[in-house]
């Protein structure tokens, strides 16, 4: 899986960092993805981060296998 962020709508609320601090880092008005291809063991945390993003700026893109 790969994570994408739409920086045009991200407002830096920090919900993603609260859910997956090893994957996301929040700045004053945007998020930085620290690990764009997190391990499968981090899937639950990443899915929660995507789900709870107030602006829906995050998405998971599944890798083609």
N, C-alpha and C. Protein backbone atom coordinates (compact mmCIF):
# COMPACT_ATOMS: atom_id res chain seq x y z
N UNK A 1 0.83 -1.18 0.00
CA UNK A 1 0.00 0.00 0.00
C UNK A 1 0.87 1.25 0.00
N UNK A 2 0.29 2.30 -0.54
CA UNK A 2 0.98 3.58 -0.62
C UNK A 2 0.01 4.64 -0.10
N UNK A 3 0.54 5.68 0.54
CA UNK A 3 -0.29 6.76 1.07
C UNK A 3 -0.10 7.99 0.21
N UNK A 4 -1.21 8.67 -0.07
CA UNK A 4 -1.17 9.94 -0.78
C UNK A 4 -1.90 10.99 0.04
N UNK A 5 -1.43 12.24 -0.05
CA UNK A 5 -2.09 13.36 0.62
C UNK A 5 -2.37 14.45 -0.40
N UNK A 6 -3.54 15.03 -0.32
CA UNK A 6 -3.90 16.18 -1.15
C UNK A 6 -3.59 17.43 -0.34
N UNK A 7 -2.46 18.04 -0.60
CA UNK A 7 -2.03 19.20 0.17
C UNK A 7 -2.90 20.43 -0.07
N UNK A 8 -3.71 20.40 -1.13
CA UNK A 8 -4.61 21.52 -1.38
C UNK A 8 -5.76 21.56 -0.37
N UNK A 9 -6.10 20.40 0.19
CA UNK A 9 -7.19 20.40 1.17
C UNK A 9 -6.74 20.06 2.59
N UNK A 10 -5.51 19.59 2.77
CA UNK A 10 -4.98 19.30 4.10
C UNK A 10 -4.87 20.60 4.88
N UNK A 11 -5.33 20.59 6.13
CA UNK A 11 -5.26 21.77 6.98
C UNK A 11 -4.39 21.57 8.22
N UNK A 12 -3.73 20.42 8.32
CA UNK A 12 -2.82 20.18 9.42
C UNK A 12 -3.50 19.95 10.76
N UNK A 13 -4.67 19.33 10.76
CA UNK A 13 -5.40 19.08 12.01
C UNK A 13 -4.64 18.12 12.94
N UNK A 14 -3.89 17.21 12.39
CA UNK A 14 -3.06 16.32 13.19
C UNK A 14 -3.69 15.01 13.60
N UNK A 15 -4.90 14.73 13.13
CA UNK A 15 -5.53 13.45 13.48
C UNK A 15 -4.71 12.27 12.97
N UNK A 16 -4.13 12.42 11.79
CA UNK A 16 -3.33 11.33 11.22
C UNK A 16 -2.11 11.04 12.09
N UNK A 17 -1.47 12.09 12.56
CA UNK A 17 -0.29 11.89 13.41
C UNK A 17 -0.67 11.24 14.73
N UNK A 18 -1.85 11.58 15.25
CA UNK A 18 -2.31 10.95 16.49
C UNK A 18 -2.56 9.46 16.29
N UNK A 19 -3.05 9.08 15.12
CA UNK A 19 -3.34 7.68 14.83
C UNK A 19 -2.09 6.89 14.44
N UNK A 20 -1.18 7.51 13.71
CA UNK A 20 0.02 6.81 13.21
C UNK A 20 1.22 7.75 13.25
N UNK A 21 1.75 8.02 14.44
CA UNK A 21 2.84 9.00 14.57
C UNK A 21 4.14 8.60 13.87
N UNK A 22 4.33 7.32 13.59
CA UNK A 22 5.54 6.89 12.90
C UNK A 22 5.41 7.07 11.38
N UNK A 23 4.22 7.39 10.92
CA UNK A 23 3.97 7.53 9.48
C UNK A 23 3.73 8.99 9.08
N UNK A 24 3.11 9.77 9.98
CA UNK A 24 2.74 11.15 9.67
C UNK A 24 3.37 12.14 10.65
N UNK A 25 3.68 13.33 10.15
CA UNK A 25 4.18 14.43 10.98
C UNK A 25 3.39 15.68 10.60
N UNK A 26 2.71 16.26 11.56
CA UNK A 26 1.86 17.41 11.29
C UNK A 26 2.64 18.71 11.47
N UNK A 27 2.44 19.61 10.53
CA UNK A 27 2.99 20.96 10.62
C UNK A 27 1.81 21.91 10.76
N UNK A 28 2.05 23.18 10.85
CA UNK A 28 0.97 24.13 11.16
C UNK A 28 -0.19 24.08 10.17
N UNK A 29 0.07 23.80 8.91
CA UNK A 29 -1.02 23.82 7.93
C UNK A 29 -1.01 22.64 6.96
N UNK A 30 -0.18 21.65 7.23
CA UNK A 30 -0.13 20.48 6.35
C UNK A 30 0.50 19.29 7.07
N UNK A 31 0.41 18.16 6.45
CA UNK A 31 1.01 16.95 6.99
C UNK A 31 2.16 16.52 6.09
N UNK A 32 3.17 15.96 6.71
CA UNK A 32 4.28 15.37 5.96
C UNK A 32 4.18 13.86 6.15
N UNK A 33 4.23 13.14 5.05
CA UNK A 33 4.23 11.68 5.12
C UNK A 33 5.67 11.23 5.32
N UNK A 34 5.93 10.60 6.45
CA UNK A 34 7.28 10.14 6.77
C UNK A 34 7.60 8.81 6.09
N UNK A 35 6.58 7.97 5.93
CA UNK A 35 6.74 6.65 5.30
C UNK A 35 5.62 6.51 4.28
N UNK A 36 5.93 6.71 3.01
CA UNK A 36 4.85 6.67 2.01
C UNK A 36 4.39 5.25 1.68
N UNK A 37 5.20 4.26 2.03
CA UNK A 37 4.81 2.86 1.85
C UNK A 37 5.00 2.13 3.19
N UNK A 38 4.06 2.32 4.10
CA UNK A 38 4.20 1.69 5.42
C UNK A 38 4.08 0.17 5.35
N UNK A 39 4.59 -0.46 6.37
CA UNK A 39 4.53 -1.92 6.47
C UNK A 39 3.08 -2.37 6.64
N UNK A 40 2.81 -3.57 6.21
CA UNK A 40 1.46 -4.13 6.36
C UNK A 40 1.05 -4.16 7.83
N UNK A 41 2.01 -4.30 8.72
CA UNK A 41 1.72 -4.32 10.16
C UNK A 41 1.19 -2.97 10.66
N UNK A 42 1.36 -1.92 9.87
CA UNK A 42 0.88 -0.59 10.23
C UNK A 42 -0.46 -0.25 9.58
N UNK A 43 -1.03 -1.20 8.85
CA UNK A 43 -2.25 -0.93 8.09
C UNK A 43 -3.39 -0.40 8.97
N UNK A 44 -3.65 -0.99 10.11
CA UNK A 44 -4.77 -0.56 10.95
C UNK A 44 -4.62 0.91 11.36
N UNK A 45 -3.41 1.30 11.74
CA UNK A 45 -3.17 2.68 12.15
C UNK A 45 -3.33 3.63 10.97
N UNK A 46 -2.82 3.25 9.81
CA UNK A 46 -2.91 4.10 8.62
C UNK A 46 -4.37 4.22 8.17
N UNK A 47 -5.11 3.11 8.19
CA UNK A 47 -6.52 3.18 7.83
C UNK A 47 -7.30 4.09 8.78
N UNK A 48 -6.97 4.04 10.07
CA UNK A 48 -7.62 4.94 11.03
C UNK A 48 -7.27 6.39 10.73
N UNK A 49 -6.03 6.65 10.39
CA UNK A 49 -5.61 8.01 10.05
C UNK A 49 -6.39 8.54 8.85
N UNK A 50 -6.56 7.71 7.84
CA UNK A 50 -7.31 8.10 6.65
C UNK A 50 -8.78 8.33 7.03
N UNK A 51 -9.34 7.44 7.79
CA UNK A 51 -10.75 7.52 8.17
C UNK A 51 -11.05 8.78 8.98
N UNK A 52 -10.16 9.15 9.90
CA UNK A 52 -10.44 10.25 10.81
C UNK A 52 -9.93 11.60 10.33
N UNK A 53 -9.36 11.67 9.13
CA UNK A 53 -8.90 12.95 8.58
C UNK A 53 -10.13 13.84 8.37
N UNK A 54 -10.20 15.00 9.05
CA UNK A 54 -11.38 15.86 8.94
C UNK A 54 -11.64 16.40 7.54
N UNK A 55 -10.61 16.56 6.74
CA UNK A 55 -10.78 17.11 5.39
C UNK A 55 -10.71 16.04 4.31
N UNK A 56 -10.54 14.78 4.72
CA UNK A 56 -10.43 13.66 3.77
C UNK A 56 -9.30 13.88 2.77
N UNK A 57 -8.18 14.39 3.27
CA UNK A 57 -7.02 14.70 2.42
C UNK A 57 -6.13 13.48 2.17
N UNK A 58 -6.33 12.42 2.92
CA UNK A 58 -5.48 11.23 2.80
C UNK A 58 -6.20 10.11 2.08
N UNK A 59 -5.41 9.29 1.39
CA UNK A 59 -5.98 8.09 0.80
C UNK A 59 -4.91 7.01 0.71
N UNK A 60 -5.38 5.79 0.72
CA UNK A 60 -4.51 4.62 0.55
C UNK A 60 -4.67 4.13 -0.88
N UNK A 61 -3.56 3.91 -1.55
CA UNK A 61 -3.55 3.35 -2.88
C UNK A 61 -2.93 1.97 -2.76
N UNK A 62 -3.67 0.96 -3.16
CA UNK A 62 -3.17 -0.40 -3.07
C UNK A 62 -2.17 -0.66 -4.18
N UNK A 63 -1.09 -1.31 -3.83
CA UNK A 63 -0.09 -1.69 -4.83
C UNK A 63 -0.64 -2.81 -5.69
N UNK A 64 -0.32 -2.78 -6.97
CA UNK A 64 -0.68 -3.89 -7.85
C UNK A 64 0.32 -5.01 -7.62
N UNK A 65 -0.21 -6.19 -7.45
CA UNK A 65 0.68 -7.32 -7.18
C UNK A 65 0.60 -8.32 -8.28
